[in-house]
């Protein structure tokens, strides 16, 4: 609709036409971004750590110190922040 308005003499100034084009581009980018992340935003994710826990039971104390992999101590707040930062930096260029 705005594209049609931008073609009307007197209403369709150069800056109005430019803003219409910017709006179309923003809408396209928003749509493409939504499609890109649809899989991650519409699904639930459950992580199991049973194999890691079993492995830790078999490890020697010095191995646990060297290869600390306890999933119970993951800082999820920090992990999610890093994930979002990575999306912004590498996917939403």
Foldseek 3Di string as FASTA:
>chain_A
DLCVQLPDPPRNDPVSNVVVVVVVVVVVLVVVVCVVCVVVPVDDDDDDCVVVVVVVVVDDPVVCVVVVDDPVPDPVVVVVVVVVVCCVVPPVD
